[in-house]
Amino acid sequence: MIKLTKFNGETFTLNILLIEQIQSFPDTTITLTNGKKIVVRDTEADIAERINALYQYIGLIGSLNEMGDKCE
């Protein structure tokens, strides 16, 4: 799970397994697998970095250097 911030300043944690896609419209919008959309202050790049860090932490993926920077 990663911590994110809504536009009203409220923080929440999101289960990354529920994320279907992340887009910048310019506001960052996260679409979940159930179709729900969440708009957050965090940037798309920031969220992707947190997701990759969590996957590395739990051993699901290696570091970007090991993967040849191909996980985008």
C-alpha atoms as a PDB file:
ATOM      1  CA  MET A   1       0.000   0.000   0.000  1.00  0.00           C
ATOM      2  CA  ILE A   2       1.179   3.524  -0.706  1.00  0.00           C
ATOM      3  CA  LYS A   3       0.297   6.812   0.955  1.00  0.00           C
ATOM      4  CA  LEU A   4      -1.313   9.474  -1.272  1.00  0.00           C
ATOM      5  CA  THR A   5      -2.794  12.936  -0.741  1.00  0.00           C
ATOM      6  CA  LYS A   6      -6.200  14.144  -1.916  1.00  0.00           C
ATOM      7  CA  PHE A   7      -6.629  17.764  -3.058  1.00  0.00           C
ATOM      8  CA  ASN A   8      -8.179  18.731   0.285  1.00  0.00           C
ATOM      9  CA  GLY A   9      -4.907  17.710   1.995  1.00  0.00           C
ATOM     10  CA  GLU A  10      -6.296  14.486   3.450  1.00  0.00           C
ATOM     11  CA  THR A  11      -3.912  11.527   3.201  1.00  0.00           C
ATOM     12  CA  PHE A  12      -4.942   7.943   2.602  1.00  0.00           C
ATOM     13  CA  THR A  13      -3.330   4.628   1.727  1.00  0.00           C
ATOM     14  CA  LEU A  14      -4.149   2.806  -1.479  1.00  0.00           C
ATOM     15  CA  ASN A  15      -3.707  -0.878  -2.264  1.00  0.00           C
ATOM     16  CA  ILE A  16      -1.566  -0.777  -5.412  1.00  0.00           C
ATOM     17  CA  LEU A  17      -3.044  -4.051  -6.642  1.00  0.00           C
ATOM     18  CA  LEU A  18      -6.307  -2.165  -7.298  1.00  0.00           C
ATOM     19  CA  ILE A  19      -4.713   0.338  -9.715  1.00  0.00           C
ATOM     20  CA  GLU A  20      -5.619  -0.138 -13.357  1.00  0.00           C
ATOM     21  CA  GLN A  21      -4.104   3.066 -14.729  1.00  0.00           C
ATOM     22  CA  ILE A  22      -2.668   6.438 -13.739  1.00  0.00           C
ATOM     23  CA  GLN A  23      -3.099   9.519 -15.945  1.00  0.00           C
ATOM     24  CA  SER A  24      -2.287  13.213 -15.758  1.00  0.00           C
ATOM     25  CA  PHE A  25      -5.069  15.430 -17.133  1.00  0.00           C
ATOM     26  CA  PRO A  26      -3.126  17.687 -15.756  1.00  0.00           C
ATOM     27  CA  ASP A  27      -4.433  16.514 -12.356  1.00  0.00           C
ATOM     28  CA  THR A  28      -3.286  13.008 -11.509  1.00  0.00           C
ATOM     29  CA  THR A  29      -6.204  10.604 -11.839  1.00  0.00           C
ATOM     30  CA  ILE A  30      -5.983   7.003 -10.686  1.00  0.00           C
ATOM     31  CA  THR A  31      -8.469   4.543 -12.158  1.00  0.00           C
ATOM     32  CA  LEU A  32      -9.061   1.460 -10.046  1.00  0.00           C
ATOM     33  CA  THR A  33      -9.962  -2.001 -11.299  1.00  0.00           C
ATOM     34  CA  ASN A  34     -13.577  -1.448 -10.184  1.00  0.00           C
ATOM     35  CA  GLY A  35     -13.831   1.696 -12.373  1.00  0.00           C
ATOM     36  CA  LYS A  36     -13.649   4.186  -9.493  1.00  0.00           C
ATOM     37  CA  LYS A  37     -11.490   7.253 -10.173  1.00  0.00           C
ATOM     38  CA  ILE A  38      -9.440   9.091  -7.544  1.00  0.00           C
ATOM     39  CA  VAL A  39      -7.839  12.503  -8.158  1.00  0.00           C
ATOM     40  CA  VAL A  40      -4.720  13.175  -6.074  1.00  0.00           C
ATOM     41  CA  ARG A  41      -2.051  15.858  -5.572  1.00  0.00           C
ATOM     42  CA  ASP A  42       0.785  13.394  -6.119  1.00  0.00           C
ATOM     43  CA  THR A  43       2.357  13.321  -9.575  1.00  0.00           C
ATOM     44  CA  GLU A  44       2.111  10.339 -11.897  1.00  0.00           C
ATOM     45  CA  ALA A  45       5.911   9.915 -11.745  1.00  0.00           C
ATOM     46  CA  ASP A  46       5.870  10.064  -7.929  1.00  0.00           C
ATOM     47  CA  ILE A  47       3.216   7.364  -7.723  1.00  0.00           C
ATOM     48  CA  ALA A  48       5.042   5.121 -10.204  1.00  0.00           C
ATOM     49  CA  GLU A  49       8.238   5.538  -8.173  1.00  0.00           C
ATOM     50  CA  ARG A  50       6.448   4.553  -4.943  1.00  0.00           C
ATOM     51  CA  ILE A  51       4.885   1.514  -6.616  1.00  0.00           C
ATOM     52  CA  ASN A  52       8.253   0.370  -7.988  1.00  0.00           C
ATOM     53  CA  ALA A  53       9.892   0.913  -4.585  1.00  0.00           C
ATOM     54  CA  LEU A  54       7.197  -1.195  -2.904  1.00  0.00           C
ATOM     55  CA  TYR A  55       7.551  -3.977  -5.484  1.00  0.00           C
ATOM     56  CA  GLN A  56      11.321  -3.944  -4.890  1.00  0.00           C
ATOM     57  CA  TYR A  57      10.843  -3.956  -1.120  1.00  0.00           C
ATOM     58  CA  ILE A  58       8.666  -7.076  -1.227  1.00  0.00           C
ATOM     59  CA  GLY A  59      10.981  -8.726  -3.774  1.00  0.00           C
ATOM     60  CA  LEU A  60       8.494  -8.807  -6.630  1.00  0.00           C
ATOM     61  CA  ILE A  61      10.901  -7.019  -8.988  1.00  0.00           C
ATOM     62  CA  GLY A  62      14.628  -6.311  -8.920  1.00  0.00           C
ATOM     63  CA  SER A  63      16.151  -2.866  -8.997  1.00  0.00           C
ATOM     64  CA  LEU A  64      15.917  -0.812 -12.184  1.00  0.00           C
ATOM     65  CA  ASN A  65      19.636  -1.324 -12.776  1.00  0.00           C
ATOM     66  CA  GLU A  66      19.138  -5.091 -12.729  1.00  0.00           C
ATOM     67  CA  MET A  67      16.215  -4.818 -15.146  1.00  0.00           C
ATOM     68  CA  GLY A  68      17.922  -2.476 -17.574  1.00  0.00           C
ATOM     69  CA  ASP A  69      15.449   0.366 -16.894  1.00  0.00           C
ATOM     70  CA  LYS A  70      12.680  -1.490 -18.803  1.00  0.00           C
ATOM     71  CA  CYS A  71       9.804  -1.400 -16.317  1.00  0.00           C
ATOM     72  CA  GLU A  72       7.887   1.583 -17.771  1.00  0.00           C
END
